[in-house]
C-alpha atoms as a PDB file:
ATOM      1  CA  UNK A   1     -80.089   8.307 -45.049  1.00  0.00           C
ATOM      2  CA  UNK A   2     -79.418   4.819 -43.767  1.00  0.00           C
ATOM      3  CA  UNK A   3     -76.410   4.454 -46.094  1.00  0.00           C
ATOM      4  CA  UNK A   4     -75.039   7.823 -44.966  1.00  0.00           C
ATOM      5  CA  UNK A   5     -75.277   6.777 -41.294  1.00  0.00           C
ATOM      6  CA  UNK A   6     -73.529   3.494 -42.044  1.00  0.00           C
ATOM      7  CA  UNK A   7     -70.761   5.333 -43.893  1.00  0.00           C
ATOM      8  CA  UNK A   8     -70.301   7.726 -40.962  1.00  0.00           C
ATOM      9  CA  UNK A   9     -70.167   4.842 -38.498  1.00  0.00           C
ATOM     10  CA  UNK A  10     -67.601   3.084 -40.674  1.00  0.00           C
ATOM     11  CA  UNK A  11     -65.426   6.196 -40.806  1.00  0.00           C
ATOM     12  CA  UNK A  12     -65.681   6.684 -37.010  1.00  0.00           C
ATOM     13  CA  UNK A  13     -64.833   3.012 -36.445  1.00  0.00           C
ATOM     14  CA  UNK A  14     -61.853   3.278 -38.776  1.00  0.00           C
ATOM     15  CA  UNK A  15     -60.620   6.404 -37.004  1.00  0.00           C
ATOM     16  CA  UNK A  16     -60.962   4.693 -33.611  1.00  0.00           C
ATOM     17  CA  UNK A  17     -59.114   1.616 -34.878  1.00  0.00           C
ATOM     18  CA  UNK A  18     -56.293   3.716 -36.298  1.00  0.00           C
ATOM     19  CA  UNK A  19     -56.145   5.675 -33.039  1.00  0.00           C
ATOM     20  CA  UNK A  20     -55.910   2.470 -31.018  1.00  0.00           C
ATOM     21  CA  UNK A  21     -53.142   1.122 -33.294  1.00  0.00           C
ATOM     22  CA  UNK A  22     -51.286   4.445 -33.002  1.00  0.00           C
ATOM     23  CA  UNK A  23     -51.582   4.358 -29.217  1.00  0.00           C
ATOM     24  CA  UNK A  24     -50.198   0.839 -29.144  1.00  0.00           C
ATOM     25  CA  UNK A  25     -47.273   1.808 -31.343  1.00  0.00           C
ATOM     26  CA  UNK A  26     -46.567   4.861 -29.125  1.00  0.00           C
ATOM     27  CA  UNK A  27     -46.759   2.688 -26.020  1.00  0.00           C
ATOM     28  CA  UNK A  28     -44.332   0.149 -27.427  1.00  0.00           C
ATOM     29  CA  UNK A  29     -41.957   2.966 -28.369  1.00  0.00           C
ATOM     30  CA  UNK A  30     -42.043   4.300 -24.810  1.00  0.00           C
ATOM     31  CA  UNK A  31     -41.444   0.841 -23.356  1.00  0.00           C
ATOM     32  CA  UNK A  32     -38.445   0.389 -25.633  1.00  0.00           C
ATOM     33  CA  UNK A  33     -37.220   3.827 -24.629  1.00  0.00           C
ATOM     34  CA  UNK A  34     -37.451   2.975 -20.933  1.00  0.00           C
ATOM     35  CA  UNK A  35     -35.745  -0.319 -21.624  1.00  0.00           C
ATOM     36  CA  UNK A  36     -32.859   1.566 -23.203  1.00  0.00           C
ATOM     37  CA  UNK A  37     -32.637   3.891 -20.190  1.00  0.00           C
ATOM     38  CA  UNK A  38     -32.585   0.972 -17.729  1.00  0.00           C
ATOM     39  CA  UNK A  39     -30.100  -0.838 -19.934  1.00  0.00           C
ATOM     40  CA  UNK A  40     -27.891   2.256 -19.974  1.00  0.00           C
ATOM     41  CA  UNK A  41     -28.119   2.598 -16.166  1.00  0.00           C
ATOM     42  CA  UNK A  42     -27.221  -1.047 -15.703  1.00  0.00           C
ATOM     43  CA  UNK A  43     -24.203  -0.696 -17.966  1.00  0.00           C
ATOM     44  CA  UNK A  44     -23.023   2.340 -15.967  1.00  0.00           C
ATOM     45  CA  UNK A  45     -23.344   0.467 -12.676  1.00  0.00           C
ATOM     46  CA  UNK A  46     -21.529  -2.544 -14.116  1.00  0.00           C
ATOM     47  CA  UNK A  47     -18.309  -1.410 -15.780  1.00  0.00           C
ATOM     48  CA  UNK A  48     -17.515  -3.045 -19.117  1.00  0.00           C
ATOM     49  CA  UNK A  49     -14.993  -5.836 -19.263  1.00  0.00           C
ATOM     50  CA  UNK A  50     -12.478  -3.449 -20.778  1.00  0.00           C
ATOM     51  CA  UNK A  51     -12.455  -1.531 -17.475  1.00  0.00           C
ATOM     52  CA  UNK A  52     -12.084  -4.599 -15.275  1.00  0.00           C
ATOM     53  CA  UNK A  53      -8.746  -4.953 -13.440  1.00  0.00           C
ATOM     54  CA  UNK A  54      -6.135  -6.419 -15.750  1.00  0.00           C
ATOM     55  CA  UNK A  55      -4.889  -9.912 -14.989  1.00  0.00           C
ATOM     56  CA  UNK A  56      -1.309  -9.617 -16.239  1.00  0.00           C
ATOM     57  CA  UNK A  57       1.394  -6.992 -16.625  1.00  0.00           C
ATOM     58  CA  UNK A  58       1.122  -7.353 -20.396  1.00  0.00           C
ATOM     59  CA  UNK A  59      -2.529  -6.246 -20.409  1.00  0.00           C
ATOM     60  CA  UNK A  60      -1.824  -2.705 -19.189  1.00  0.00           C
ATOM     61  CA  UNK A  61      -2.152   0.050 -21.785  1.00  0.00           C
ATOM     62  CA  UNK A  62      -0.571   3.528 -22.002  1.00  0.00           C
ATOM     63  CA  UNK A  63       2.799   2.360 -20.693  1.00  0.00           C
ATOM     64  CA  UNK A  64       5.205   5.083 -21.874  1.00  0.00           C
ATOM     65  CA  UNK A  65       8.637   4.623 -23.429  1.00  0.00           C
ATOM     66  CA  UNK A  66      11.625   6.259 -21.777  1.00  0.00           C
ATOM     67  CA  UNK A  67      13.931   6.215 -18.774  1.00  0.00           C
ATOM     68  CA  UNK A  68      12.076   6.997 -15.544  1.00  0.00           C
ATOM     69  CA  UNK A  69      13.763   7.618 -12.195  1.00  0.00           C
ATOM     70  CA  UNK A  70      11.944   6.605  -9.032  1.00  0.00           C
ATOM     71  CA  UNK A  71      12.827   6.142  -5.372  1.00  0.00           C
ATOM     72  CA  UNK A  72      11.769   6.733  -1.792  1.00  0.00           C
ATOM     73  CA  UNK A  73      10.705   4.275   0.876  1.00  0.00           C
ATOM     74  CA  UNK A  74      13.201   1.573   1.851  1.00  0.00           C
ATOM     75  CA  UNK A  75      10.233  -0.575   2.920  1.00  0.00           C
ATOM     76  CA  UNK A  76       9.638  -0.949  -0.820  1.00  0.00           C
ATOM     77  CA  UNK A  77      12.926  -2.765  -1.416  1.00  0.00           C
ATOM     78  CA  UNK A  78      11.353  -6.285  -1.579  1.00  0.00           C
ATOM     79  CA  UNK A  79       8.639  -4.993  -3.946  1.00  0.00           C
ATOM     80  CA  UNK A  80      11.132  -3.317  -6.254  1.00  0.00           C
ATOM     81  CA  UNK A  81      13.307  -6.425  -6.259  1.00  0.00           C
ATOM     82  CA  UNK A  82      10.445  -8.776  -7.101  1.00  0.00           C
ATOM     83  CA  UNK A  83       8.458  -6.655  -9.564  1.00  0.00           C
ATOM     84  CA  UNK A  84      10.666  -4.176 -11.415  1.00  0.00           C
ATOM     85  CA  UNK A  85      12.626  -6.845 -13.281  1.00  0.00           C
ATOM     86  CA  UNK A  86       9.359  -8.513 -14.351  1.00  0.00           C
ATOM     87  CA  UNK A  87       8.043  -5.163 -15.591  1.00  0.00           C
ATOM     88  CA  UNK A  88      11.242  -4.613 -17.588  1.00  0.00           C
ATOM     89  CA  UNK A  89      10.869  -8.015 -19.222  1.00  0.00           C
ATOM     90  CA  UNK A  90       7.276  -7.352 -20.303  1.00  0.00           C
ATOM     91  CA  UNK A  91       7.759  -3.638 -21.101  1.00  0.00           C
ATOM     92  CA  UNK A  92      11.437  -3.201 -22.100  1.00  0.00           C
ATOM     93  CA  UNK A  93      10.767   0.332 -23.374  1.00  0.00           C
ATOM     94  CA  UNK A  94       9.537   1.368 -19.876  1.00  0.00           C
ATOM     95  CA  UNK A  95      12.969   1.651 -18.309  1.00  0.00           C
ATOM     96  CA  UNK A  96      12.988   2.060 -14.518  1.00  0.00           C
ATOM     97  CA  UNK A  97      15.925   3.527 -12.618  1.00  0.00           C
ATOM     98  CA  UNK A  98      15.966   3.540  -8.815  1.00  0.00           C
ATOM     99  CA  UNK A  99      18.019   6.423  -7.426  1.00  0.00           C
ATOM    100  CA  UNK A 100      18.786   7.851  -3.985  1.00  0.00           C
ATOM    101  CA  UNK A 101      19.497  11.398  -2.922  1.00  0.00           C
ATOM    102  CA  UNK A 102      23.255  12.093  -3.001  1.00  0.00           C
ATOM    103  CA  UNK A 103      23.359  13.408   0.585  1.00  0.00           C
ATOM    104  CA  UNK A 104      20.027  12.746   2.317  1.00  0.00           C
ATOM    105  CA  UNK A 105      19.175   9.355   3.884  1.00  0.00           C
ATOM    106  CA  UNK A 106      16.825   7.178   1.811  1.00  0.00           C
ATOM    107  CA  UNK A 107      13.194   7.102   2.833  1.00  0.00           C
ATOM    108  CA  UNK A 108       9.666   8.184   2.002  1.00  0.00           C
ATOM    109  CA  UNK A 109      10.175  11.842   2.916  1.00  0.00           C
ATOM    110  CA  UNK A 110      13.362  12.085   0.884  1.00  0.00           C
ATOM    111  CA  UNK A 111      11.644  10.471  -2.099  1.00  0.00           C
ATOM    112  CA  UNK A 112       8.662  12.830  -1.940  1.00  0.00           C
ATOM    113  CA  UNK A 113      11.004  15.832  -1.703  1.00  0.00           C
ATOM    114  CA  UNK A 114      12.921  14.591  -4.755  1.00  0.00           C
ATOM    115  CA  UNK A 115       9.617  14.191  -6.618  1.00  0.00           C
ATOM    116  CA  UNK A 116       8.631  17.760  -5.750  1.00  0.00           C
ATOM    117  CA  UNK A 117      12.033  18.933  -6.994  1.00  0.00           C
ATOM    118  CA  UNK A 118      11.617  17.139 -10.353  1.00  0.00           C
ATOM    119  CA  UNK A 119      14.338  14.611  -9.568  1.00  0.00           C
ATOM    120  CA  UNK A 120      11.946  11.651  -9.839  1.00  0.00           C
ATOM    121  CA  UNK A 121       9.125  10.712 -12.195  1.00  0.00           C
ATOM    122  CA  UNK A 122       7.248   9.107  -9.278  1.00  0.00           C
ATOM    123  CA  UNK A 123       8.107   7.975  -5.763  1.00  0.00           C
ATOM    124  CA  UNK A 124       7.174   5.285  -3.243  1.00  0.00           C
ATOM    125  CA  UNK A 125       6.061   5.968   0.297  1.00  0.00           C
ATOM    126  CA  UNK A 126       5.260   3.980   3.416  1.00  0.00           C
ATOM    127  CA  UNK A 127       3.200   6.846   4.844  1.00  0.00           C
ATOM    128  CA  UNK A 128       0.408   9.096   3.531  1.00  0.00           C
ATOM    129  CA  UNK A 129       1.152  12.491   2.043  1.00  0.00           C
ATOM    130  CA  UNK A 130       1.123  15.497   4.371  1.00  0.00           C
ATOM    131  CA  UNK A 131      -0.791  18.745   3.901  1.00  0.00           C
ATOM    132  CA  UNK A 132       2.434  20.705   3.488  1.00  0.00           C
ATOM    133  CA  UNK A 133       3.542  18.386   0.670  1.00  0.00           C
ATOM    134  CA  UNK A 134       0.281  18.920  -1.217  1.00  0.00           C
ATOM    135  CA  UNK A 135       0.801  22.655  -0.785  1.00  0.00           C
ATOM    136  CA  UNK A 136       4.425  22.524  -1.950  1.00  0.00           C
ATOM    137  CA  UNK A 137       3.276  20.776  -5.122  1.00  0.00           C
ATOM    138  CA  UNK A 138       0.598  23.412  -5.769  1.00  0.00           C
ATOM    139  CA  UNK A 139       3.181  26.163  -5.334  1.00  0.00           C
ATOM    140  CA  UNK A 140       5.255  24.473  -8.051  1.00  0.00           C
ATOM    141  CA  UNK A 141       2.285  24.382 -10.408  1.00  0.00           C
ATOM    142  CA  UNK A 142       1.090  20.779 -10.207  1.00  0.00           C
ATOM    143  CA  UNK A 143      -0.779  18.337  -7.973  1.00  0.00           C
ATOM    144  CA  UNK A 144       0.343  15.073  -6.370  1.00  0.00           C
ATOM    145  CA  UNK A 145      -1.691  12.045  -5.344  1.00  0.00           C
ATOM    146  CA  UNK A 146      -1.105   8.917  -3.253  1.00  0.00           C
ATOM    147  CA  UNK A 147      -2.323   5.560  -4.567  1.00  0.00           C
ATOM    148  CA  UNK A 148      -2.333   2.564  -2.164  1.00  0.00           C
ATOM    149  CA  UNK A 149      -1.023  -0.680  -3.628  1.00  0.00           C
ATOM    150  CA  UNK A 150      -0.425  -2.969  -0.594  1.00  0.00           C
ATOM    151  CA  UNK A 151      -0.629  -3.349   3.189  1.00  0.00           C
ATOM    152  CA  UNK A 152       2.552  -3.654   5.209  1.00  0.00           C
ATOM    153  CA  UNK A 153       3.155  -4.593   8.850  1.00  0.00           C
ATOM    154  CA  UNK A 154       5.823  -3.207  11.154  1.00  0.00           C
ATOM    155  CA  UNK A 155       7.721  -5.884  13.079  1.00  0.00           C
ATOM    156  CA  UNK A 156       9.662  -5.437  16.312  1.00  0.00           C
ATOM    157  CA  UNK A 157      12.956  -7.310  16.669  1.00  0.00           C
ATOM    158  CA  UNK A 158      15.334  -8.020  19.549  1.00  0.00           C
ATOM    159  CA  UNK A 159      18.522  -9.954  20.176  1.00  0.00           C
ATOM    160  CA  UNK A 160      17.894 -13.749  19.979  1.00  0.00           C
ATOM    161  CA  UNK A 161      19.415 -14.248  23.457  1.00  0.00           C
ATOM    162  CA  UNK A 162      16.847 -11.907  25.004  1.00  0.00           C
ATOM    163  CA  UNK A 163      14.144 -14.137  26.526  1.00  0.00           C
ATOM    164  CA  UNK A 164      11.411 -11.548  25.975  1.00  0.00           C
ATOM    165  CA  UNK A 165       8.604 -13.041  23.868  1.00  0.00           C
ATOM    166  CA  UNK A 166       6.499  -9.963  23.258  1.00  0.00           C
ATOM    167  CA  UNK A 167       5.457  -6.444  24.229  1.00  0.00           C
ATOM    168  CA  UNK A 168       2.244  -4.493  24.400  1.00  0.00           C
ATOM    169  CA  UNK A 169       1.929  -1.423  22.206  1.00  0.00           C
ATOM    170  CA  UNK A 170       2.071   0.750  25.357  1.00  0.00           C
ATOM    171  CA  UNK A 171       5.294  -0.918  26.521  1.00  0.00           C
ATOM    172  CA  UNK A 172       6.788  -0.426  23.069  1.00  0.00           C
ATOM    173  CA  UNK A 173       5.761   3.229  23.150  1.00  0.00           C
ATOM    174  CA  UNK A 174       7.332   3.782  26.568  1.00  0.00           C
ATOM    175  CA  UNK A 175      10.581   2.116  25.475  1.00  0.00           C
ATOM    176  CA  UNK A 176      10.929   4.525  22.573  1.00  0.00           C
ATOM    177  CA  UNK A 177       9.947   7.509  24.720  1.00  0.00           C
ATOM    178  CA  UNK A 178      12.649   6.602  27.250  1.00  0.00           C
ATOM    179  CA  UNK A 179      10.195   5.780  30.068  1.00  0.00           C
ATOM    180  CA  UNK A 180      11.161   2.076  30.193  1.00  0.00           C
ATOM    181  CA  UNK A 181      14.952   1.694  30.175  1.00  0.00           C
ATOM    182  CA  UNK A 182      15.614  -1.867  31.389  1.00  0.00           C
ATOM    183  CA  UNK A 183      14.302  -5.144  30.000  1.00  0.00           C
ATOM    184  CA  UNK A 184      13.490  -6.411  33.512  1.00  0.00           C
ATOM    185  CA  UNK A 185      10.672  -3.809  33.622  1.00  0.00           C
ATOM    186  CA  UNK A 186       8.822  -5.802  30.954  1.00  0.00           C
ATOM    187  CA  UNK A 187       9.735  -9.341  32.017  1.00  0.00           C
ATOM    188  CA  UNK A 188      13.111  -9.623  30.318  1.00  0.00           C
ATOM    189  CA  UNK A 189      16.705  -9.821  31.610  1.00  0.00           C
ATOM    190  CA  UNK A 190      18.317  -7.196  33.813  1.00  0.00           C
ATOM    191  CA  UNK A 191      19.865  -5.421  30.824  1.00  0.00           C
ATOM    192  CA  UNK A 192      19.711  -1.808  29.682  1.00  0.00           C
ATOM    193  CA  UNK A 193      17.478  -1.314  26.652  1.00  0.00           C
ATOM    194  CA  UNK A 194      19.072   0.213  23.556  1.00  0.00           C
ATOM    195  CA  UNK A 195      16.335   1.248  21.114  1.00  0.00           C
ATOM    196  CA  UNK A 196      17.445   1.762  17.513  1.00  0.00           C
ATOM    197  CA  UNK A 197      15.636   3.777  14.857  1.00  0.00           C
ATOM    198  CA  UNK A 198      16.274   5.239  11.459  1.00  0.00           C
ATOM    199  CA  UNK A 199      16.036   8.999  10.932  1.00  0.00           C
ATOM    200  CA  UNK A 200      12.880  11.054  10.453  1.00  0.00           C
ATOM    201  CA  UNK A 201      13.343  10.831   6.658  1.00  0.00           C
ATOM    202  CA  UNK A 202      11.989   7.300   6.937  1.00  0.00           C
ATOM    203  CA  UNK A 203       8.278   6.877   6.313  1.00  0.00           C
ATOM    204  CA  UNK A 204       8.313   3.967   8.755  1.00  0.00           C
ATOM    205  CA  UNK A 205       9.706   6.202  11.498  1.00  0.00           C
ATOM    206  CA  UNK A 206       7.202   8.924  10.612  1.00  0.00           C
ATOM    207  CA  UNK A 207       4.354   6.406  10.873  1.00  0.00           C
ATOM    208  CA  UNK A 208       5.748   4.980  14.121  1.00  0.00           C
ATOM    209  CA  UNK A 209       6.136   8.342  15.848  1.00  0.00           C
ATOM    210  CA  UNK A 210       2.704   9.500  14.667  1.00  0.00           C
ATOM    211  CA  UNK A 211       0.758   6.342  15.516  1.00  0.00           C
ATOM    212  CA  UNK A 212       2.712   4.629  18.310  1.00  0.00           C
ATOM    213  CA  UNK A 213       4.314   7.597  20.074  1.00  0.00           C
ATOM    214  CA  UNK A 214       1.306   9.866  19.657  1.00  0.00           C
ATOM    215  CA  UNK A 215       3.242  12.385  17.514  1.00  0.00           C
ATOM    216  CA  UNK A 216       5.897  12.767  20.214  1.00  0.00           C
ATOM    217  CA  UNK A 217       9.590  12.736  19.415  1.00  0.00           C
ATOM    218  CA  UNK A 218      11.785   9.710  19.918  1.00  0.00           C
ATOM    219  CA  UNK A 219      13.369   9.607  23.375  1.00  0.00           C
ATOM    220  CA  UNK A 220      16.924  10.756  23.990  1.00  0.00           C
ATOM    221  CA  UNK A 221      17.835   7.103  24.630  1.00  0.00           C
ATOM    222  CA  UNK A 222      17.134   6.126  20.991  1.00  0.00           C
ATOM    223  CA  UNK A 223      20.200   5.540  18.828  1.00  0.00           C
ATOM    224  CA  UNK A 224      19.755   6.656  15.195  1.00  0.00           C
ATOM    225  CA  UNK A 225      21.067   4.344  12.464  1.00  0.00           C
ATOM    226  CA  UNK A 226      21.304   5.014   8.756  1.00  0.00           C
ATOM    227  CA  UNK A 227      19.853   1.782   7.384  1.00  0.00           C
ATOM    228  CA  UNK A 228      17.937  -1.308   8.440  1.00  0.00           C
ATOM    229  CA  UNK A 229      20.980  -3.400   7.540  1.00  0.00           C
ATOM    230  CA  UNK A 230      23.132  -1.543  10.066  1.00  0.00           C
ATOM    231  CA  UNK A 231      20.363  -1.768  12.684  1.00  0.00           C
ATOM    232  CA  UNK A 232      20.154  -5.557  12.247  1.00  0.00           C
ATOM    233  CA  UNK A 233      23.886  -5.817  12.856  1.00  0.00           C
ATOM    234  CA  UNK A 234      23.669  -3.708  16.007  1.00  0.00           C
ATOM    235  CA  UNK A 235      20.738  -5.660  17.485  1.00  0.00           C
ATOM    236  CA  UNK A 236      22.475  -8.960  16.675  1.00  0.00           C
ATOM    237  CA  UNK A 237      25.488  -7.838  18.728  1.00  0.00           C
ATOM    238  CA  UNK A 238      23.657  -6.122  21.601  1.00  0.00           C
ATOM    239  CA  UNK A 239      21.612  -8.130  24.111  1.00  0.00           C
ATOM    240  CA  UNK A 240      19.674  -4.975  24.992  1.00  0.00           C
ATOM    241  CA  UNK A 241      18.916  -3.953  21.400  1.00  0.00           C
ATOM    242  CA  UNK A 242      15.459  -3.434  19.889  1.00  0.00           C
ATOM    243  CA  UNK A 243      14.476  -2.209  16.422  1.00  0.00           C
ATOM    244  CA  UNK A 244      11.313  -1.724  14.334  1.00  0.00           C
ATOM    245  CA  UNK A 245      11.030  -2.030  10.541  1.00  0.00           C
ATOM    246  CA  UNK A 246       8.837  -3.297   7.724  1.00  0.00           C
ATOM    247  CA  UNK A 247       8.081  -6.962   8.482  1.00  0.00           C
ATOM    248  CA  UNK A 248       9.297  -8.375   5.129  1.00  0.00           C
ATOM    249  CA  UNK A 249      12.664  -6.696   5.722  1.00  0.00           C
ATOM    250  CA  UNK A 250      13.370  -8.247   9.130  1.00  0.00           C
ATOM    251  CA  UNK A 251      11.205 -11.256  10.032  1.00  0.00           C
ATOM    252  CA  UNK A 252      13.296 -13.740   8.035  1.00  0.00           C
ATOM    253  CA  UNK A 253      16.692 -12.271   8.950  1.00  0.00           C
ATOM    254  CA  UNK A 254      19.312 -14.261  10.829  1.00  0.00           C
ATOM    255  CA  UNK A 255      20.887 -12.795  13.965  1.00  0.00           C
ATOM    256  CA  UNK A 256      17.729 -11.098  15.273  1.00  0.00           C
ATOM    257  CA  UNK A 257      14.438 -12.280  16.748  1.00  0.00           C
ATOM    258  CA  UNK A 258      10.990 -10.951  15.812  1.00  0.00           C
ATOM    259  CA  UNK A 259       8.671 -10.671  18.815  1.00  0.00           C
ATOM    260  CA  UNK A 260       4.903 -10.635  19.305  1.00  0.00           C
ATOM    261  CA  UNK A 261       2.975  -7.372  19.776  1.00  0.00           C
ATOM    262  CA  UNK A 262      -0.502  -6.790  21.167  1.00  0.00           C
ATOM    263  CA  UNK A 263      -2.846  -4.339  22.805  1.00  0.00           C
ATOM    264  CA  UNK A 264      -3.085  -6.523  25.917  1.00  0.00           C
ATOM    265  CA  UNK A 265      -0.445  -8.761  27.596  1.00  0.00           C
ATOM    266  CA  UNK A 266      -2.586 -11.838  26.988  1.00  0.00           C
ATOM    267  CA  UNK A 267      -3.288 -10.961  23.344  1.00  0.00           C
ATOM    268  CA  UNK A 268       0.164 -10.805  21.811  1.00  0.00           C
ATOM    269  CA  UNK A 269       0.264 -11.533  18.057  1.00  0.00           C
ATOM    270  CA  UNK A 270       3.499 -12.728  16.401  1.00  0.00           C
ATOM    271  CA  UNK A 271       4.446 -11.300  12.976  1.00  0.00           C
ATOM    272  CA  UNK A 272       5.893 -14.723  12.114  1.00  0.00           C
ATOM    273  CA  UNK A 273       4.288 -18.122  11.630  1.00  0.00           C
ATOM    274  CA  UNK A 274       4.683 -20.160  14.789  1.00  0.00           C
ATOM    275  CA  UNK A 275       6.674 -21.878  16.068  1.00  0.00           C
ATOM    276  CA  UNK A 276       9.552 -19.402  16.173  1.00  0.00           C
ATOM    277  CA  UNK A 277      12.623 -20.679  14.307  1.00  0.00           C
ATOM    278  CA  UNK A 278      15.657 -20.601  16.663  1.00  0.00           C
ATOM    279  CA  UNK A 279      18.504 -18.305  15.618  1.00  0.00           C
ATOM    280  CA  UNK A 280      20.909 -21.246  15.453  1.00  0.00           C
ATOM    281  CA  UNK A 281      18.802 -22.880  12.715  1.00  0.00           C
ATOM    282  CA  UNK A 282      19.151 -19.862  10.409  1.00  0.00           C
ATOM    283  CA  UNK A 283      19.850 -19.722   7.463  1.00  0.00           C
ATOM    284  CA  UNK A 284      18.882 -23.371   6.923  1.00  0.00           C
ATOM    285  CA  UNK A 285      15.429 -22.425   8.193  1.00  0.00           C
ATOM    286  CA  UNK A 286      14.004 -18.942   8.478  1.00  0.00           C
ATOM    287  CA  UNK A 287      10.973 -17.372  10.093  1.00  0.00           C
ATOM    288  CA  UNK A 288       8.166 -16.681   7.619  1.00  0.00           C
ATOM    289  CA  UNK A 289       5.599 -13.895   7.662  1.00  0.00           C
ATOM    290  CA  UNK A 290       2.263 -14.343   9.410  1.00  0.00           C
ATOM    291  CA  UNK A 291       0.313 -12.750   6.562  1.00  0.00           C
ATOM    292  CA  UNK A 292      -3.053 -14.040   7.804  1.00  0.00           C
ATOM    293  CA  UNK A 293      -2.985 -11.721  10.847  1.00  0.00           C
ATOM    294  CA  UNK A 294      -1.837  -8.790   8.711  1.00  0.00           C
ATOM    295  CA  UNK A 295      -4.776  -9.370   6.378  1.00  0.00           C
ATOM    296  CA  UNK A 296      -7.330  -9.837   9.164  1.00  0.00           C
ATOM    297  CA  UNK A 297      -6.176  -6.790  11.115  1.00  0.00           C
ATOM    298  CA  UNK A 298      -5.394  -8.826  14.243  1.00  0.00           C
ATOM    299  CA  UNK A 299      -1.791  -7.675  14.178  1.00  0.00           C
ATOM    300  CA  UNK A 300      -1.804  -4.185  15.741  1.00  0.00           C
ATOM    301  CA  UNK A 301       0.749  -2.293  13.611  1.00  0.00           C
ATOM    302  CA  UNK A 302      -0.080  -2.204   9.912  1.00  0.00           C
ATOM    303  CA  UNK A 303      -0.109   0.574   7.325  1.00  0.00           C
ATOM    304  CA  UNK A 304      -0.599   1.103   3.584  1.00  0.00           C
ATOM    305  CA  UNK A 305       2.134   1.503   1.010  1.00  0.00           C
ATOM    306  CA  UNK A 306       1.660   4.166  -1.667  1.00  0.00           C
ATOM    307  CA  UNK A 307       2.906   5.199  -5.068  1.00  0.00           C
ATOM    308  CA  UNK A 308       3.136   9.004  -5.192  1.00  0.00           C
ATOM    309  CA  UNK A 309       2.116  10.260  -8.636  1.00  0.00           C
ATOM    310  CA  UNK A 310       2.809  13.712 -10.056  1.00  0.00           C
ATOM    311  CA  UNK A 311      -0.343  15.129 -11.722  1.00  0.00           C
ATOM    312  CA  UNK A 312       1.196  17.497 -14.256  1.00  0.00           C
ATOM    313  CA  UNK A 313      -0.329  16.208 -17.492  1.00  0.00           C
ATOM    314  CA  UNK A 314       3.118  15.188 -18.738  1.00  0.00           C
ATOM    315  CA  UNK A 315       5.008  11.947 -19.250  1.00  0.00           C
ATOM    316  CA  UNK A 316       5.960  11.741 -15.543  1.00  0.00           C
ATOM    317  CA  UNK A 317       2.261  11.421 -14.683  1.00  0.00           C
ATOM    318  CA  UNK A 318       1.833   8.773 -17.382  1.00  0.00           C
ATOM    319  CA  UNK A 319       4.805   6.833 -15.975  1.00  0.00           C
ATOM    320  CA  UNK A 320       3.514   6.996 -12.387  1.00  0.00           C
ATOM    321  CA  UNK A 321       0.015   5.921 -13.357  1.00  0.00           C
ATOM    322  CA  UNK A 322       1.372   3.096 -15.513  1.00  0.00           C
ATOM    323  CA  UNK A 323       3.466   1.835 -12.576  1.00  0.00           C
ATOM    324  CA  UNK A 324       0.381   1.917 -10.327  1.00  0.00           C
ATOM    325  CA  UNK A 325      -1.692   0.032 -12.889  1.00  0.00           C
ATOM    326  CA  UNK A 326       1.021  -2.601 -13.272  1.00  0.00           C
ATOM    327  CA  UNK A 327       1.200  -3.155  -9.500  1.00  0.00           C
ATOM    328  CA  UNK A 328      -2.578  -3.459  -9.240  1.00  0.00           C
ATOM    329  CA  UNK A 329      -2.918  -6.207 -11.838  1.00  0.00           C
ATOM    330  CA  UNK A 330      -3.600  -9.701 -10.583  1.00  0.00           C
ATOM    331  CA  UNK A 331      -0.022 -10.646 -11.520  1.00  0.00           C
ATOM    332  CA  UNK A 332       1.384  -7.559  -9.791  1.00  0.00           C
ATOM    333  CA  UNK A 333      -0.566  -8.252  -6.617  1.00  0.00           C
ATOM    334  CA  UNK A 334       0.576 -11.887  -6.682  1.00  0.00           C
ATOM    335  CA  UNK A 335       4.186 -10.672  -6.807  1.00  0.00           C
ATOM    336  CA  UNK A 336       3.537  -8.210  -3.977  1.00  0.00           C
ATOM    337  CA  UNK A 337       2.115 -11.035  -1.875  1.00  0.00           C
ATOM    338  CA  UNK A 338       5.114 -13.237  -2.667  1.00  0.00           C
ATOM    339  CA  UNK A 339       7.373 -10.396  -1.502  1.00  0.00           C
ATOM    340  CA  UNK A 340       5.701 -10.559   1.920  1.00  0.00           C
ATOM    341  CA  UNK A 341       3.093  -7.803   1.745  1.00  0.00           C
ATOM    342  CA  UNK A 342      -0.701  -8.031   1.894  1.00  0.00           C
ATOM    343  CA  UNK A 343      -2.510  -7.485  -1.398  1.00  0.00           C
ATOM    344  CA  UNK A 344      -5.368  -4.989  -1.706  1.00  0.00           C
ATOM    345  CA  UNK A 345      -6.716  -6.284  -5.051  1.00  0.00           C
ATOM    346  CA  UNK A 346      -7.963  -9.794  -5.797  1.00  0.00           C
END
């Protein structure tokens, strides 16, 4: 009997030992399983290196081959001039062709309309898309999207002989609504004000009327010009002239004077780096952009620049997305900054 009891105890002990070992193995398996779950979660929260923003234009993938027409915002001219040639050098098969509408003035609205009418593979805009444009795209069987690639500032310019140093946003608004008609009303000379503006096809004008004029129309006193180049010439030859445009287009120009803008008379912020370069020193010296105040938000009139991409699942979408990805590389953003705009990627 004693041997039978010992045998039973041995069997029970063995079973308990095996059970304990099995429990330990199960526990370790669960711990490893949880570790895998946490590891998976961590990898989802931290994108792999392959998804990190590319450093150079050459690192972008899915750049299509073909000839792709694009166009739109004239505020984009410095970007196109500084980047497109670099893109062509790195990706010679990705051929870019800038085109304008044969009869309509160039601008963001014209470019978006051309995109909707299948005249462009993608377009550039200095204003956000409107609800009616999204709807027009849907009616044509595709979607469109806006992708921001930089921050731009709008600069106000006058004749260099005008002693005005700056305006408040409210004074600027009232000038373009026709409520202030003489420079002496805002501390300048006794000269009639002649405000110049491009047409409503311009994204800059659309932004200005929406955000500065409170969605009201330009005053009857505003003279419409076709291009910024023609406006610069008019302001240079008219003591009473005033004009607004993308800062990189006008701040460094000879023959006109950029002025400070602010929300309060004692808080005027210049779009140029002080001191102001006198007109007589140009072109030997030129005013340079005050990018620090654009970046910080101190300067009161800034907006985003967008690439408008057609989402149709075809090569036009691939071309638009490739162009966006190229502009958002470290190299692309460096070039955007060199062109006078504020980068949004670092």
